[in-house]
Amino acid sequence: MRHPEELLSAYADGELPQDKRREVEEHLKICEHCRRELEKLKKLEGIMGKIKVKDLEEELWRVYWKSVYNRIERGVGWILFSLGMIILLSWGGIELLKSVFSDTTIPLLVKIGVVSTVFGLVVLLVSVVRERIWISRDDKYSREVEK
């Protein structure tokens, strides 16, 4: 048997079938190199057995979940704010456009174009304002530049 180094870890853990275990034991009787490797593995297992994973304290979990909830709340808040602004500005645009629709001399295609333009501007305005607020909050360079 050549050096069964790939079997030594399983041997040390007691995971080898009986026939393979006997083969490794026979080899270990005559091979100093593999006995040293087995010693190293056992020493490593001893060290690893002493390592304990530190439990996170309740306070750390509370802080973690608080940050998760804050991010979720802010995301929902921005969605609701954007939706509210779109609704309010659209309502204002509709009121403004009522005068255009009440005029019977303006063609229907022009009225549709005006409505599309007003709604598009409302959506773009809300989107740009939201993006500027979002970027200025996270962009560390925007605070460093003097205007």
C-alpha atoms as a PDB file:
ATOM      1  CA  MET A   1       0.000   0.000   0.000  1.00  0.00           C
ATOM      2  CA  ARG A   2       1.316   3.424  -0.902  1.00  0.00           C
ATOM      3  CA  HIS A   3       1.003   6.262   1.570  1.00  0.00           C
ATOM      4  CA  PRO A   4      -2.741   6.344   2.307  1.00  0.00           C
ATOM      5  CA  GLU A   5      -2.712  10.024   3.267  1.00  0.00           C
ATOM      6  CA  GLU A   6      -6.188  10.590   1.868  1.00  0.00           C
ATOM      7  CA  LEU A   7      -7.467   7.848   4.224  1.00  0.00           C
ATOM      8  CA  LEU A   8      -5.702   9.076   7.357  1.00  0.00           C
ATOM      9  CA  SER A   9      -8.330  11.694   8.210  1.00  0.00           C
ATOM     10  CA  ALA A  10     -11.135   9.147   7.874  1.00  0.00           C
ATOM     11  CA  TYR A  11      -9.059   6.685   9.933  1.00  0.00           C
ATOM     12  CA  ALA A  12      -8.528   9.246  12.698  1.00  0.00           C
ATOM     13  CA  ASP A  13     -12.260   9.999  12.720  1.00  0.00           C
ATOM     14  CA  GLY A  14     -13.168   6.280  12.831  1.00  0.00           C
ATOM     15  CA  GLU A  15     -15.063   6.518   9.549  1.00  0.00           C
ATOM     16  CA  LEU A  16     -13.286   3.782   7.570  1.00  0.00           C
ATOM     17  CA  PRO A  17     -14.845   0.384   6.911  1.00  0.00           C
ATOM     18  CA  GLN A  18     -13.175  -2.486   8.780  1.00  0.00           C
ATOM     19  CA  ASP A  19     -11.146  -3.781   5.799  1.00  0.00           C
ATOM     20  CA  LYS A  20      -9.708  -0.348   4.953  1.00  0.00           C
ATOM     21  CA  ARG A  21      -9.050   0.297   8.625  1.00  0.00           C
ATOM     22  CA  ARG A  22      -6.944  -2.880   8.862  1.00  0.00           C
ATOM     23  CA  GLU A  23      -5.000  -1.911   5.735  1.00  0.00           C
ATOM     24  CA  VAL A  24      -4.195   1.519   7.162  1.00  0.00           C
ATOM     25  CA  GLU A  25      -3.198   0.008  10.524  1.00  0.00           C
ATOM     26  CA  GLU A  26      -0.834  -2.433   8.808  1.00  0.00           C
ATOM     27  CA  HIS A  27       0.694   0.399   6.819  1.00  0.00           C
ATOM     28  CA  LEU A  28       1.103   2.553   9.925  1.00  0.00           C
ATOM     29  CA  LYS A  29       3.170  -0.223  11.563  1.00  0.00           C
ATOM     30  CA  ILE A  30       5.840   0.108   8.863  1.00  0.00           C
ATOM     31  CA  CYS A  31       5.576   3.753   7.735  1.00  0.00           C
ATOM     32  CA  GLU A  32       7.030   6.477   9.934  1.00  0.00           C
ATOM     33  CA  HIS A  33       5.845   9.241   7.551  1.00  0.00           C
ATOM     34  CA  CYS A  34       2.185   8.252   7.820  1.00  0.00           C
ATOM     35  CA  ARG A  35       2.431   7.860  11.623  1.00  0.00           C
ATOM     36  CA  ARG A  36       3.699  11.466  11.819  1.00  0.00           C
ATOM     37  CA  GLU A  37       0.867  12.627   9.557  1.00  0.00           C
ATOM     38  CA  LEU A  38      -1.638  10.807  11.771  1.00  0.00           C
ATOM     39  CA  GLU A  39      -0.132  12.470  14.846  1.00  0.00           C
ATOM     40  CA  LYS A  40      -0.497  15.873  13.183  1.00  0.00           C
ATOM     41  CA  LEU A  41      -4.135  15.132  12.368  1.00  0.00           C
ATOM     42  CA  LYS A  42      -4.875  14.053  15.938  1.00  0.00           C
ATOM     43  CA  LYS A  43      -3.151  17.154  17.300  1.00  0.00           C
ATOM     44  CA  LEU A  44      -5.181  19.319  14.910  1.00  0.00           C
ATOM     45  CA  GLU A  45      -8.414  17.591  15.967  1.00  0.00           C
ATOM     46  CA  GLY A  46      -7.514  18.279  19.599  1.00  0.00           C
ATOM     47  CA  ILE A  47      -6.980  21.953  18.870  1.00  0.00           C
ATOM     48  CA  MET A  48     -10.165  22.185  16.807  1.00  0.00           C
ATOM     49  CA  GLY A  49     -12.115  20.511  19.614  1.00  0.00           C
ATOM     50  CA  LYS A  50     -11.065  23.268  22.005  1.00  0.00           C
ATOM     51  CA  ILE A  51     -12.290  26.049  19.728  1.00  0.00           C
ATOM     52  CA  LYS A  52     -15.681  27.335  20.763  1.00  0.00           C
ATOM     53  CA  VAL A  53     -17.892  29.504  18.621  1.00  0.00           C
ATOM     54  CA  LYS A  54     -18.898  32.547  20.576  1.00  0.00           C
ATOM     55  CA  ASP A  55     -22.644  33.017  20.784  1.00  0.00           C
ATOM     56  CA  LEU A  56     -23.923  36.365  19.681  1.00  0.00           C
ATOM     57  CA  GLU A  57     -25.385  38.220  22.554  1.00  0.00           C
ATOM     58  CA  GLU A  58     -29.004  39.264  22.518  1.00  0.00           C
ATOM     59  CA  GLU A  59     -28.014  42.927  22.135  1.00  0.00           C
ATOM     60  CA  LEU A  60     -26.125  42.221  18.909  1.00  0.00           C
ATOM     61  CA  TRP A  61     -29.138  40.433  17.451  1.00  0.00           C
ATOM     62  CA  ARG A  62     -31.400  43.321  18.506  1.00  0.00           C
ATOM     63  CA  VAL A  63     -29.141  45.852  16.761  1.00  0.00           C
ATOM     64  CA  TYR A  64     -28.954  43.656  13.657  1.00  0.00           C
ATOM     65  CA  TRP A  65     -32.720  43.267  13.343  1.00  0.00           C
ATOM     66  CA  LYS A  66     -33.265  46.955  14.070  1.00  0.00           C
ATOM     67  CA  SER A  67     -31.074  47.855  11.085  1.00  0.00           C
ATOM     68  CA  VAL A  68     -32.941  45.347   8.896  1.00  0.00           C
ATOM     69  CA  TYR A  69     -36.301  46.800   9.936  1.00  0.00           C
ATOM     70  CA  ASN A  70     -35.036  50.355   9.362  1.00  0.00           C
ATOM     71  CA  ARG A  71     -33.962  49.509   5.821  1.00  0.00           C
ATOM     72  CA  ILE A  72     -37.302  47.848   5.086  1.00  0.00           C
ATOM     73  CA  GLU A  73     -39.255  50.749   6.594  1.00  0.00           C
ATOM     74  CA  ARG A  74     -37.273  53.314   4.607  1.00  0.00           C
ATOM     75  CA  GLY A  75     -37.808  51.399   1.380  1.00  0.00           C
ATOM     76  CA  VAL A  76     -41.549  51.209   1.988  1.00  0.00           C
ATOM     77  CA  GLY A  77     -41.546  54.875   3.020  1.00  0.00           C
ATOM     78  CA  TRP A  78     -39.898  55.950  -0.236  1.00  0.00           C
ATOM     79  CA  ILE A  79     -42.331  53.889  -2.277  1.00  0.00           C
ATOM     80  CA  LEU A  80     -45.327  55.410  -0.476  1.00  0.00           C
ATOM     81  CA  PHE A  81     -43.870  58.927  -0.694  1.00  0.00           C
ATOM     82  CA  SER A  82     -43.222  58.543  -4.437  1.00  0.00           C
ATOM     83  CA  LEU A  83     -46.679  57.122  -5.017  1.00  0.00           C
ATOM     84  CA  GLY A  84     -48.273  59.938  -3.004  1.00  0.00           C
ATOM     85  CA  MET A  85     -46.351  62.607  -4.922  1.00  0.00           C
ATOM     86  CA  ILE A  86     -47.334  61.051  -8.238  1.00  0.00           C
ATOM     87  CA  ILE A  87     -50.993  61.001  -7.182  1.00  0.00           C
ATOM     88  CA  LEU A  88     -51.009  64.576  -5.840  1.00  0.00           C
ATOM     89  CA  LEU A  89     -49.099  66.081  -8.749  1.00  0.00           C
ATOM     90  CA  SER A  90     -51.232  64.115 -11.200  1.00  0.00           C
ATOM     91  CA  TRP A  91     -54.356  65.440  -9.533  1.00  0.00           C
ATOM     92  CA  GLY A  92     -52.999  68.972  -9.855  1.00  0.00           C
ATOM     93  CA  GLY A  93     -52.184  68.293 -13.494  1.00  0.00           C
ATOM     94  CA  ILE A  94     -55.672  66.948 -14.099  1.00  0.00           C
ATOM     95  CA  GLU A  95     -57.220  70.042 -12.600  1.00  0.00           C
ATOM     96  CA  LEU A  96     -54.973  72.147 -14.793  1.00  0.00           C
ATOM     97  CA  LEU A  97     -55.885  70.099 -17.841  1.00  0.00           C
ATOM     98  CA  LYS A  98     -59.614  70.394 -17.229  1.00  0.00           C
ATOM     99  CA  SER A  99     -59.444  73.794 -18.813  1.00  0.00           C
ATOM    100  CA  VAL A 100     -57.767  72.270 -21.886  1.00  0.00           C
ATOM    101  CA  PHE A 101     -60.447  69.574 -22.179  1.00  0.00           C
ATOM    102  CA  SER A 102     -63.281  72.000 -21.706  1.00  0.00           C
ATOM    103  CA  ASP A 103     -62.091  73.893 -24.783  1.00  0.00           C
ATOM    104  CA  THR A 104     -63.831  72.180 -27.724  1.00  0.00           C
ATOM    105  CA  THR A 105     -61.661  73.861 -30.346  1.00  0.00           C
ATOM    106  CA  ILE A 106     -58.517  71.858 -29.377  1.00  0.00           C
ATOM    107  CA  PRO A 107     -58.161  68.542 -31.310  1.00  0.00           C
ATOM    108  CA  LEU A 108     -58.247  65.239 -29.338  1.00  0.00           C
ATOM    109  CA  LEU A 109     -54.694  64.277 -30.372  1.00  0.00           C
ATOM    110  CA  VAL A 110     -53.330  67.524 -28.919  1.00  0.00           C
ATOM    111  CA  LYS A 111     -55.274  66.924 -25.690  1.00  0.00           C
ATOM    112  CA  ILE A 112     -53.782  63.397 -25.397  1.00  0.00           C
ATOM    113  CA  GLY A 113     -50.325  64.840 -26.045  1.00  0.00           C
ATOM    114  CA  VAL A 114     -50.755  67.461 -23.324  1.00  0.00           C
ATOM    115  CA  VAL A 115     -52.001  64.839 -20.826  1.00  0.00           C
ATOM    116  CA  SER A 116     -49.090  62.502 -21.629  1.00  0.00           C
ATOM    117  CA  THR A 117     -46.625  65.354 -21.219  1.00  0.00           C
ATOM    118  CA  VAL A 118     -48.039  66.416 -17.849  1.00  0.00           C
ATOM    119  CA  PHE A 119     -48.111  62.857 -16.460  1.00  0.00           C
ATOM    120  CA  GLY A 120     -44.613  62.173 -17.809  1.00  0.00           C
ATOM    121  CA  LEU A 121     -43.291  65.326 -16.144  1.00  0.00           C
ATOM    122  CA  VAL A 122     -44.904  64.364 -12.844  1.00  0.00           C
ATOM    123  CA  VAL A 123     -43.299  60.908 -12.888  1.00  0.00           C
ATOM    124  CA  LEU A 124     -39.907  62.304 -13.933  1.00  0.00           C
ATOM    125  CA  LEU A 125     -40.022  65.035 -11.296  1.00  0.00           C
ATOM    126  CA  VAL A 126     -40.742  62.582  -8.503  1.00  0.00           C
ATOM    127  CA  SER A 127     -38.097  60.180  -9.810  1.00  0.00           C
ATOM    128  CA  VAL A 128     -35.382  62.841 -10.057  1.00  0.00           C
ATOM    129  CA  VAL A 129     -36.142  64.324  -6.629  1.00  0.00           C
ATOM    130  CA  ARG A 130     -36.124  60.879  -5.027  1.00  0.00           C
ATOM    131  CA  GLU A 131     -32.857  59.951  -6.758  1.00  0.00           C
ATOM    132  CA  ARG A 132     -31.144  63.199  -5.732  1.00  0.00           C
ATOM    133  CA  ILE A 133     -32.173  62.714  -2.110  1.00  0.00           C
ATOM    134  CA  TRP A 134     -31.053  59.076  -2.196  1.00  0.00           C
ATOM    135  CA  ILE A 135     -27.669  59.858  -3.778  1.00  0.00           C
ATOM    136  CA  SER A 136     -26.926  62.832  -1.533  1.00  0.00           C
ATOM    137  CA  ARG A 137     -27.629  60.699   1.525  1.00  0.00           C
ATOM    138  CA  ASP A 138     -25.227  57.903   0.478  1.00  0.00           C
ATOM    139  CA  ASP A 139     -22.609  59.819  -1.536  1.00  0.00           C
ATOM    140  CA  LYS A 140     -19.722  60.704   0.759  1.00  0.00           C
ATOM    141  CA  TYR A 141     -18.121  62.863  -1.945  1.00  0.00           C
ATOM    142  CA  SER A 142     -21.080  65.237  -2.294  1.00  0.00           C
ATOM    143  CA  ARG A 143     -20.477  66.518   1.270  1.00  0.00           C
ATOM    144  CA  GLU A 144     -16.761  67.102   0.660  1.00  0.00           C
ATOM    145  CA  VAL A 145     -17.130  69.333  -2.400  1.00  0.00           C
ATOM    146  CA  GLU A 146     -17.462  73.036  -1.696  1.00  0.00           C
ATOM    147  CA  LYS A 147     -19.707  74.925  -4.070  1.00  0.00           C
END
